[in-house]
Amino acid sequence: MPSSPPPPESSASLSGLSVVLGGTGGIGAALVENLLARGETVVAIGRRTDPGLDYADPASIEACAAEVGQRLADTGLALRRLIVATGVLHDGAVQPERSWAHLNAAALQQVFLVNTIGPAMVMRHFLPLLPKQGRCVAAFLSARVGSIGDNSLGGWYGYRASKAALNQLVHTAAIEMARRNREALCVALHPGTVDTGLSQPFAKTGLQVRPPTVAAGELLQVIDHLAAGSSGGFFDHHGLSIPW
């Protein structure tokens, strides 16, 4: 019986520790399950883990990073995947705006806290944990509606703007990461429409809504096969580039 083909080099070179922030949410939990099923070593971090992640408390982000740093020191593993799967579209009084008449300062602050400021602080505390040699990937879940060039419908001011700001942070961080490790990749990823609490109220007829397990598999396929030179890019769940 012929032996099975070896895994692709890009995937094999990512052996090490994978960290999923938002790892207790819809897509995040599916990413963790998918990685564990593949035999990967995974740390899931979320609001209900210990330590817990709370973007309203910057000290919690630092504490989570310190915990991961200690794990790396204790195991000798390298951090090869950092996946930030956090985000908010709606939450109580926070709802996507259909018009500028619906813009609300408090709602905007909450959306930017979760979608932009929190991930920025993750960059500050987690990106230094990535190795200085060898392939590693920091992937931040963004959204196609954060594309300025692809915006033809309007609306959703806060969500669009916060994800566009996240994309700029990712592109900028990628430049700095390359200075310390030429093989390091930092990307923004659009997961598509996934059957989670975030998208359910807005999943229109005709959209391809996929289960979290399917979306997670697609995202990991993209992460593990990112080409050299793709750092700083914005890609969908098929690996296709999205305009800024």
C-alpha atoms as a PDB file:
ATOM      1  CA  MET A   1       0.000   0.000   0.000  1.00  0.00           C
ATOM      2  CA  PRO A   2       1.544   3.362  -0.974  1.00  0.00           C
ATOM      3  CA  SER A   3       2.311   5.710   1.877  1.00  0.00           C
ATOM      4  CA  SER A   4       0.331   8.907   2.231  1.00  0.00           C
ATOM      5  CA  PRO A   5       1.978  12.039   0.861  1.00  0.00           C
ATOM      6  CA  PRO A   6       3.842  14.243   3.330  1.00  0.00           C
ATOM      7  CA  PRO A   7       2.139  17.419   4.528  1.00  0.00           C
ATOM      8  CA  PRO A   8       2.931  20.600   2.601  1.00  0.00           C
ATOM      9  CA  GLU A   9       6.129  22.281   3.693  1.00  0.00           C
ATOM     10  CA  SER A  10       4.309  25.444   4.765  1.00  0.00           C
ATOM     11  CA  SER A  11       2.068  23.479   7.142  1.00  0.00           C
ATOM     12  CA  ALA A  12       4.864  21.321   8.503  1.00  0.00           C
ATOM     13  CA  SER A  13       7.002  24.361   9.225  1.00  0.00           C
ATOM     14  CA  LEU A  14       4.240  25.689  11.480  1.00  0.00           C
ATOM     15  CA  SER A  15       4.618  22.888  14.013  1.00  0.00           C
ATOM     16  CA  GLY A  16       4.858  24.429  17.439  1.00  0.00           C
ATOM     17  CA  LEU A  17       2.343  26.277  19.595  1.00  0.00           C
ATOM     18  CA  SER A  18      -0.860  27.805  18.237  1.00  0.00           C
ATOM     19  CA  VAL A  19      -2.669  30.478  20.270  1.00  0.00           C
ATOM     20  CA  VAL A  20      -6.266  31.430  19.498  1.00  0.00           C
ATOM     21  CA  LEU A  21      -7.582  34.617  21.089  1.00  0.00           C
ATOM     22  CA  GLY A  22     -11.347  34.525  21.202  1.00  0.00           C
ATOM     23  CA  GLY A  23     -10.894  30.773  21.395  1.00  0.00           C
ATOM     24  CA  THR A  24     -14.152  30.269  23.287  1.00  0.00           C
ATOM     25  CA  GLY A  25     -16.342  32.037  20.702  1.00  0.00           C
ATOM     26  CA  GLY A  26     -18.020  30.640  17.594  1.00  0.00           C
ATOM     27  CA  ILE A  27     -15.226  30.690  15.024  1.00  0.00           C
ATOM     28  CA  GLY A  28     -12.495  30.690  17.669  1.00  0.00           C
ATOM     29  CA  ALA A  29     -13.724  27.503  19.325  1.00  0.00           C
ATOM     30  CA  ALA A  30     -13.990  25.833  15.922  1.00  0.00           C
ATOM     31  CA  LEU A  31     -10.419  26.840  15.130  1.00  0.00           C
ATOM     32  CA  VAL A  32      -9.243  25.317  18.410  1.00  0.00           C
ATOM     33  CA  GLU A  33     -11.150  22.076  17.768  1.00  0.00           C
ATOM     34  CA  ASN A  34      -9.782  21.842  14.237  1.00  0.00           C
ATOM     35  CA  LEU A  35      -6.194  22.361  15.395  1.00  0.00           C
ATOM     36  CA  LEU A  36      -6.550  19.833  18.219  1.00  0.00           C
ATOM     37  CA  ALA A  37      -7.986  17.287  15.789  1.00  0.00           C
ATOM     38  CA  ARG A  38      -4.837  17.704  13.727  1.00  0.00           C
ATOM     39  CA  GLY A  39      -2.677  16.953  16.758  1.00  0.00           C
ATOM     40  CA  GLU A  40      -1.518  20.528  17.242  1.00  0.00           C
ATOM     41  CA  THR A  41      -0.618  22.062  20.602  1.00  0.00           C
ATOM     42  CA  VAL A  42      -3.125  24.831  21.192  1.00  0.00           C
ATOM     43  CA  VAL A  43      -3.829  27.478  23.808  1.00  0.00           C
ATOM     44  CA  ALA A  44      -7.345  28.934  23.718  1.00  0.00           C
ATOM     45  CA  ILE A  45      -7.841  32.305  25.376  1.00  0.00           C
ATOM     46  CA  GLY A  46     -11.142  34.077  25.864  1.00  0.00           C
ATOM     47  CA  ARG A  47     -13.268  35.929  28.358  1.00  0.00           C
ATOM     48  CA  ARG A  48     -14.014  32.745  30.317  1.00  0.00           C
ATOM     49  CA  THR A  49     -10.512  31.254  30.417  1.00  0.00           C
ATOM     50  CA  ASP A  50      -7.942  31.629  33.196  1.00  0.00           C
ATOM     51  CA  PRO A  51      -6.389  34.084  32.735  1.00  0.00           C
ATOM     52  CA  GLY A  52      -9.247  35.739  30.904  1.00  0.00           C
ATOM     53  CA  LEU A  53      -9.081  38.215  28.033  1.00  0.00           C
ATOM     54  CA  ASP A  54     -10.953  41.498  28.486  1.00  0.00           C
ATOM     55  CA  TYR A  55     -10.223  44.273  26.008  1.00  0.00           C
ATOM     56  CA  ALA A  56     -11.680  46.793  28.468  1.00  0.00           C
ATOM     57  CA  ASP A  57      -8.862  45.815  30.851  1.00  0.00           C
ATOM     58  CA  PRO A  58      -5.456  46.218  29.167  1.00  0.00           C
ATOM     59  CA  ALA A  59      -3.786  44.455  32.084  1.00  0.00           C
ATOM     60  CA  SER A  60      -5.662  41.272  31.180  1.00  0.00           C
ATOM     61  CA  ILE A  61      -4.102  41.282  27.715  1.00  0.00           C
ATOM     62  CA  GLU A  62      -0.639  41.619  29.232  1.00  0.00           C
ATOM     63  CA  ALA A  63      -1.394  38.826  31.721  1.00  0.00           C
ATOM     64  CA  CYS A  64      -2.534  36.488  28.949  1.00  0.00           C
ATOM     65  CA  ALA A  65       0.629  37.218  26.967  1.00  0.00           C
ATOM     66  CA  ALA A  66       2.752  36.551  30.048  1.00  0.00           C
ATOM     67  CA  GLU A  67       0.995  33.202  30.520  1.00  0.00           C
ATOM     68  CA  VAL A  68       1.730  32.233  26.915  1.00  0.00           C
ATOM     69  CA  GLY A  69       5.332  33.410  27.279  1.00  0.00           C
ATOM     70  CA  GLN A  70       5.750  31.166  30.298  1.00  0.00           C
ATOM     71  CA  ARG A  71       4.221  28.263  28.386  1.00  0.00           C
ATOM     72  CA  LEU A  72       6.723  28.785  25.584  1.00  0.00           C
ATOM     73  CA  ALA A  73       9.597  28.903  28.063  1.00  0.00           C
ATOM     74  CA  ASP A  74       8.439  25.770  29.881  1.00  0.00           C
ATOM     75  CA  THR A  75       7.873  23.666  26.752  1.00  0.00           C
ATOM     76  CA  GLY A  76      10.567  24.995  24.444  1.00  0.00           C
ATOM     77  CA  LEU A  77       7.975  25.343  21.712  1.00  0.00           C
ATOM     78  CA  ALA A  78       7.890  28.291  19.317  1.00  0.00           C
ATOM     79  CA  LEU A  79       4.733  30.324  18.768  1.00  0.00           C
ATOM     80  CA  ARG A  80       3.961  29.531  15.143  1.00  0.00           C
ATOM     81  CA  ARG A  81       0.308  30.605  14.875  1.00  0.00           C
ATOM     82  CA  LEU A  82      -1.321  33.537  16.611  1.00  0.00           C
ATOM     83  CA  ILE A  83      -4.966  33.798  15.542  1.00  0.00           C
ATOM     84  CA  VAL A  84      -7.073  36.695  16.815  1.00  0.00           C
ATOM     85  CA  ALA A  85     -10.705  35.671  16.359  1.00  0.00           C
ATOM     86  CA  THR A  86     -12.343  38.384  18.448  1.00  0.00           C
ATOM     87  CA  GLY A  87     -14.847  40.906  17.126  1.00  0.00           C
ATOM     88  CA  VAL A  88     -18.210  42.582  17.654  1.00  0.00           C
ATOM     89  CA  LEU A  89     -20.910  43.608  15.184  1.00  0.00           C
ATOM     90  CA  HIS A  90     -23.847  43.939  17.546  1.00  0.00           C
ATOM     91  CA  ASP A  91     -24.273  43.720  21.307  1.00  0.00           C
ATOM     92  CA  GLY A  92     -27.358  45.072  22.996  1.00  0.00           C
ATOM     93  CA  ALA A  93     -27.486  48.783  22.259  1.00  0.00           C
ATOM     94  CA  VAL A  94     -24.619  48.374  19.784  1.00  0.00           C
ATOM     95  CA  GLN A  95     -26.160  47.754  16.363  1.00  0.00           C
ATOM     96  CA  PRO A  96     -24.927  48.341  12.787  1.00  0.00           C
ATOM     97  CA  GLU A  97     -25.931  51.839  11.695  1.00  0.00           C
ATOM     98  CA  ARG A  98     -28.108  52.144   8.606  1.00  0.00           C
ATOM     99  CA  SER A  99     -27.560  55.904   8.417  1.00  0.00           C
ATOM    100  CA  TRP A 100     -25.334  58.618   9.845  1.00  0.00           C
ATOM    101  CA  ALA A 101     -28.408  59.570  11.878  1.00  0.00           C
ATOM    102  CA  HIS A 102     -27.832  56.396  13.922  1.00  0.00           C
ATOM    103  CA  LEU A 103     -24.213  57.167  14.844  1.00  0.00           C
ATOM    104  CA  ASN A 104     -23.711  57.034  18.608  1.00  0.00           C
ATOM    105  CA  ALA A 105     -20.484  57.889  20.413  1.00  0.00           C
ATOM    106  CA  ALA A 106     -20.772  55.209  23.093  1.00  0.00           C
ATOM    107  CA  ALA A 107     -21.573  52.493  20.554  1.00  0.00           C
ATOM    108  CA  LEU A 108     -18.673  53.560  18.355  1.00  0.00           C
ATOM    109  CA  GLN A 109     -16.299  53.443  21.331  1.00  0.00           C
ATOM    110  CA  GLN A 110     -17.389  49.887  22.130  1.00  0.00           C
ATOM    111  CA  VAL A 111     -17.028  48.708  18.527  1.00  0.00           C
ATOM    112  CA  PHE A 112     -13.573  50.251  18.171  1.00  0.00           C
ATOM    113  CA  LEU A 113     -12.517  48.855  21.553  1.00  0.00           C
ATOM    114  CA  VAL A 114     -13.248  45.287  20.503  1.00  0.00           C
ATOM    115  CA  ASN A 115     -12.411  45.428  16.796  1.00  0.00           C
ATOM    116  CA  THR A 116      -9.430  47.779  16.789  1.00  0.00           C
ATOM    117  CA  ILE A 117      -7.984  48.880  20.123  1.00  0.00           C
ATOM    118  CA  GLY A 118      -8.032  45.428  21.699  1.00  0.00           C
ATOM    119  CA  PRO A 119      -6.241  43.788  18.760  1.00  0.00           C
ATOM    120  CA  ALA A 120      -3.739  46.657  18.765  1.00  0.00           C
ATOM    121  CA  MET A 121      -2.867  45.851  22.382  1.00  0.00           C
ATOM    122  CA  VAL A 122      -2.641  42.196  21.417  1.00  0.00           C
ATOM    123  CA  MET A 123      -0.015  43.233  18.873  1.00  0.00           C
ATOM    124  CA  ARG A 124       1.932  45.055  21.557  1.00  0.00           C
ATOM    125  CA  HIS A 125       2.046  42.120  23.967  1.00  0.00           C
ATOM    126  CA  PHE A 126       1.834  39.010  21.762  1.00  0.00           C
ATOM    127  CA  LEU A 127       3.808  39.799  18.611  1.00  0.00           C
ATOM    128  CA  PRO A 128       7.108  39.928  20.546  1.00  0.00           C
ATOM    129  CA  LEU A 129       6.472  36.277  21.491  1.00  0.00           C
ATOM    130  CA  LEU A 130       6.732  35.178  17.866  1.00  0.00           C
ATOM    131  CA  PRO A 131      10.088  33.600  16.971  1.00  0.00           C
ATOM    132  CA  LYS A 132      12.845  35.605  15.323  1.00  0.00           C
ATOM    133  CA  GLN A 133      13.594  32.752  12.947  1.00  0.00           C
ATOM    134  CA  GLY A 134      11.419  30.457  10.872  1.00  0.00           C
ATOM    135  CA  ARG A 135       7.915  30.744   9.511  1.00  0.00           C
ATOM    136  CA  CYS A 136       5.207  32.031  11.846  1.00  0.00           C
ATOM    137  CA  VAL A 137       1.825  33.646  11.226  1.00  0.00           C
ATOM    138  CA  ALA A 138      -0.203  36.268  13.063  1.00  0.00           C
ATOM    139  CA  ALA A 139      -3.715  36.251  11.604  1.00  0.00           C
ATOM    140  CA  PHE A 140      -6.391  38.755  12.593  1.00  0.00           C
ATOM    141  CA  LEU A 141     -10.005  38.120  11.633  1.00  0.00           C
ATOM    142  CA  SER A 142     -11.289  41.167   9.808  1.00  0.00           C
ATOM    143  CA  ALA A 143     -14.295  41.516   7.478  1.00  0.00           C
ATOM    144  CA  ARG A 144     -14.838  42.253   3.807  1.00  0.00           C
ATOM    145  CA  VAL A 145     -17.030  45.212   4.786  1.00  0.00           C
ATOM    146  CA  GLY A 146     -13.869  46.795   6.197  1.00  0.00           C
ATOM    147  CA  SER A 147     -12.656  47.226   2.627  1.00  0.00           C
ATOM    148  CA  ILE A 148     -12.988  50.846   1.509  1.00  0.00           C
ATOM    149  CA  GLY A 149     -12.556  49.912  -2.148  1.00  0.00           C
ATOM    150  CA  ASP A 150     -15.275  47.248  -1.945  1.00  0.00           C
ATOM    151  CA  ASN A 151     -17.850  49.446  -0.182  1.00  0.00           C
ATOM    152  CA  SER A 152     -20.745  50.054  -2.554  1.00  0.00           C
ATOM    153  CA  LEU A 153     -23.670  49.748  -0.138  1.00  0.00           C
ATOM    154  CA  GLY A 154     -22.798  52.144   2.695  1.00  0.00           C
ATOM    155  CA  GLY A 155     -24.156  51.753   6.206  1.00  0.00           C
ATOM    156  CA  TRP A 156     -22.560  49.858   9.074  1.00  0.00           C
ATOM    157  CA  TYR A 157     -20.344  52.870   9.803  1.00  0.00           C
ATOM    158  CA  GLY A 158     -18.736  51.705  13.025  1.00  0.00           C
ATOM    159  CA  TYR A 159     -18.113  48.111  12.014  1.00  0.00           C
ATOM    160  CA  ARG A 160     -16.721  49.082   8.610  1.00  0.00           C
ATOM    161  CA  ALA A 161     -14.463  51.776  10.060  1.00  0.00           C
ATOM    162  CA  SER A 162     -13.185  49.647  12.949  1.00  0.00           C
ATOM    163  CA  LYS A 163     -12.275  46.781  10.631  1.00  0.00           C
ATOM    164  CA  ALA A 164     -10.636  49.174   8.143  1.00  0.00           C
ATOM    165  CA  ALA A 165      -8.558  50.508  11.036  1.00  0.00           C
ATOM    166  CA  LEU A 166      -7.661  46.938  12.029  1.00  0.00           C
ATOM    167  CA  ASN A 167      -6.498  46.281   8.467  1.00  0.00           C
ATOM    168  CA  GLN A 168      -4.166  49.281   8.654  1.00  0.00           C
ATOM    169  CA  LEU A 169      -2.784  48.047  11.976  1.00  0.00           C
ATOM    170  CA  VAL A 170      -2.130  44.620  10.449  1.00  0.00           C
ATOM    171  CA  HIS A 171      -0.389  46.085   7.398  1.00  0.00           C
ATOM    172  CA  THR A 172       1.783  48.304   9.598  1.00  0.00           C
ATOM    173  CA  ALA A 173       2.657  45.497  12.017  1.00  0.00           C
ATOM    174  CA  ALA A 174       3.664  43.294   9.089  1.00  0.00           C
ATOM    175  CA  ILE A 175       6.330  45.818   8.121  1.00  0.00           C
ATOM    176  CA  GLU A 176       7.794  45.822  11.618  1.00  0.00           C
ATOM    177  CA  MET A 177       7.602  42.041  11.933  1.00  0.00           C
ATOM    178  CA  ALA A 178       9.622  41.614   8.743  1.00  0.00           C
ATOM    179  CA  ARG A 179      12.482  43.568  10.283  1.00  0.00           C
ATOM    180  CA  ARG A 180      12.913  40.962  13.024  1.00  0.00           C
ATOM    181  CA  ASN A 181      11.999  37.843  11.041  1.00  0.00           C
ATOM    182  CA  ARG A 182      11.840  37.765   7.244  1.00  0.00           C
ATOM    183  CA  GLU A 183       9.716  34.616   7.315  1.00  0.00           C
ATOM    184  CA  ALA A 184       7.080  36.056   9.663  1.00  0.00           C
ATOM    185  CA  LEU A 185       3.645  36.768   8.211  1.00  0.00           C
ATOM    186  CA  CYS A 186       0.953  39.099   9.516  1.00  0.00           C
ATOM    187  CA  VAL A 187      -2.380  39.112   7.688  1.00  0.00           C
ATOM    188  CA  ALA A 188      -6.023  40.158   7.937  1.00  0.00           C
ATOM    189  CA  LEU A 189      -8.538  37.456   7.034  1.00  0.00           C
ATOM    190  CA  HIS A 190     -12.206  37.623   6.043  1.00  0.00           C
ATOM    191  CA  PRO A 191     -13.931  34.441   7.267  1.00  0.00           C
ATOM    192  CA  GLY A 192     -17.024  34.872   5.119  1.00  0.00           C
ATOM    193  CA  THR A 193     -20.532  34.585   6.541  1.00  0.00           C
ATOM    194  CA  VAL A 194     -20.458  32.036   9.347  1.00  0.00           C
ATOM    195  CA  ASP A 195     -23.350  30.612  11.343  1.00  0.00           C
ATOM    196  CA  THR A 196     -22.492  32.317  14.639  1.00  0.00           C
ATOM    197  CA  GLY A 197     -24.208  34.775  16.934  1.00  0.00           C
ATOM    198  CA  LEU A 198     -22.327  37.639  15.279  1.00  0.00           C
ATOM    199  CA  SER A 199     -23.784  37.109  11.815  1.00  0.00           C
ATOM    200  CA  GLN A 200     -27.092  35.317  12.392  1.00  0.00           C
ATOM    201  CA  PRO A 201     -29.314  38.440  12.530  1.00  0.00           C
ATOM    202  CA  PHE A 202     -27.802  39.697   9.279  1.00  0.00           C
ATOM    203  CA  ALA A 203     -27.403  36.520   7.199  1.00  0.00           C
ATOM    204  CA  LYS A 204     -29.471  37.453   4.147  1.00  0.00           C
ATOM    205  CA  THR A 205     -30.970  34.963   1.747  1.00  0.00           C
ATOM    206  CA  GLY A 206     -28.498  34.105  -0.970  1.00  0.00           C
ATOM    207  CA  LEU A 207     -25.394  34.440   1.183  1.00  0.00           C
ATOM    208  CA  GLN A 208     -23.243  31.356   1.566  1.00  0.00           C
ATOM    209  CA  VAL A 209     -23.555  30.759   5.311  1.00  0.00           C
ATOM    210  CA  ARG A 210     -21.172  28.058   6.516  1.00  0.00           C
ATOM    211  CA  PRO A 211     -20.904  26.221   9.839  1.00  0.00           C
ATOM    212  CA  PRO A 212     -18.025  27.370  12.091  1.00  0.00           C
ATOM    213  CA  THR A 213     -16.203  24.064  11.600  1.00  0.00           C
ATOM    214  CA  VAL A 214     -16.152  24.566   7.824  1.00  0.00           C
ATOM    215  CA  ALA A 215     -15.055  28.198   8.134  1.00  0.00           C
ATOM    216  CA  ALA A 216     -12.300  27.220  10.561  1.00  0.00           C
ATOM    217  CA  GLY A 217     -10.946  24.599   8.191  1.00  0.00           C
ATOM    218  CA  GLU A 218     -10.901  27.102   5.338  1.00  0.00           C
ATOM    219  CA  LEU A 219      -9.132  29.746   7.412  1.00  0.00           C
ATOM    220  CA  LEU A 220      -6.454  27.319   8.580  1.00  0.00           C
ATOM    221  CA  GLN A 221      -5.931  26.204   4.998  1.00  0.00           C
ATOM    222  CA  VAL A 222      -5.291  29.839   4.061  1.00  0.00           C
ATOM    223  CA  ILE A 223      -3.020  30.443   7.054  1.00  0.00           C
ATOM    224  CA  ASP A 224      -0.913  27.343   6.445  1.00  0.00           C
ATOM    225  CA  HIS A 225      -0.455  28.049   2.731  1.00  0.00           C
ATOM    226  CA  LEU A 226       0.191  31.782   2.686  1.00  0.00           C
ATOM    227  CA  ALA A 227       2.824  32.506   0.080  1.00  0.00           C
ATOM    228  CA  ALA A 228       6.057  34.291   0.838  1.00  0.00           C
ATOM    229  CA  GLY A 229       5.483  37.979   0.228  1.00  0.00           C
ATOM    230  CA  SER A 230       1.853  37.898   1.341  1.00  0.00           C
ATOM    231  CA  SER A 231       2.534  39.453   4.732  1.00  0.00           C
ATOM    232  CA  GLY A 232       0.532  42.605   5.315  1.00  0.00           C
ATOM    233  CA  GLY A 233      -2.236  41.417   2.986  1.00  0.00           C
ATOM    234  CA  PHE A 234      -6.002  41.119   3.331  1.00  0.00           C
ATOM    235  CA  PHE A 235      -7.441  37.784   2.182  1.00  0.00           C
ATOM    236  CA  ASP A 236     -10.764  35.986   2.144  1.00  0.00           C
ATOM    237  CA  HIS A 237     -11.399  32.413   3.280  1.00  0.00           C
ATOM    238  CA  HIS A 238     -10.401  31.131  -0.165  1.00  0.00           C
ATOM    239  CA  GLY A 239      -7.030  32.892   0.009  1.00  0.00           C
ATOM    240  CA  LEU A 240      -8.053  35.539  -2.539  1.00  0.00           C
ATOM    241  CA  SER A 241      -6.850  39.091  -2.026  1.00  0.00           C
ATOM    242  CA  ILE A 242      -9.417  41.723  -0.991  1.00  0.00           C
ATOM    243  CA  PRO A 243      -8.951  45.383  -1.989  1.00  0.00           C
ATOM    244  CA  TRP A 244      -8.197  47.879   0.721  1.00  0.00           C
END
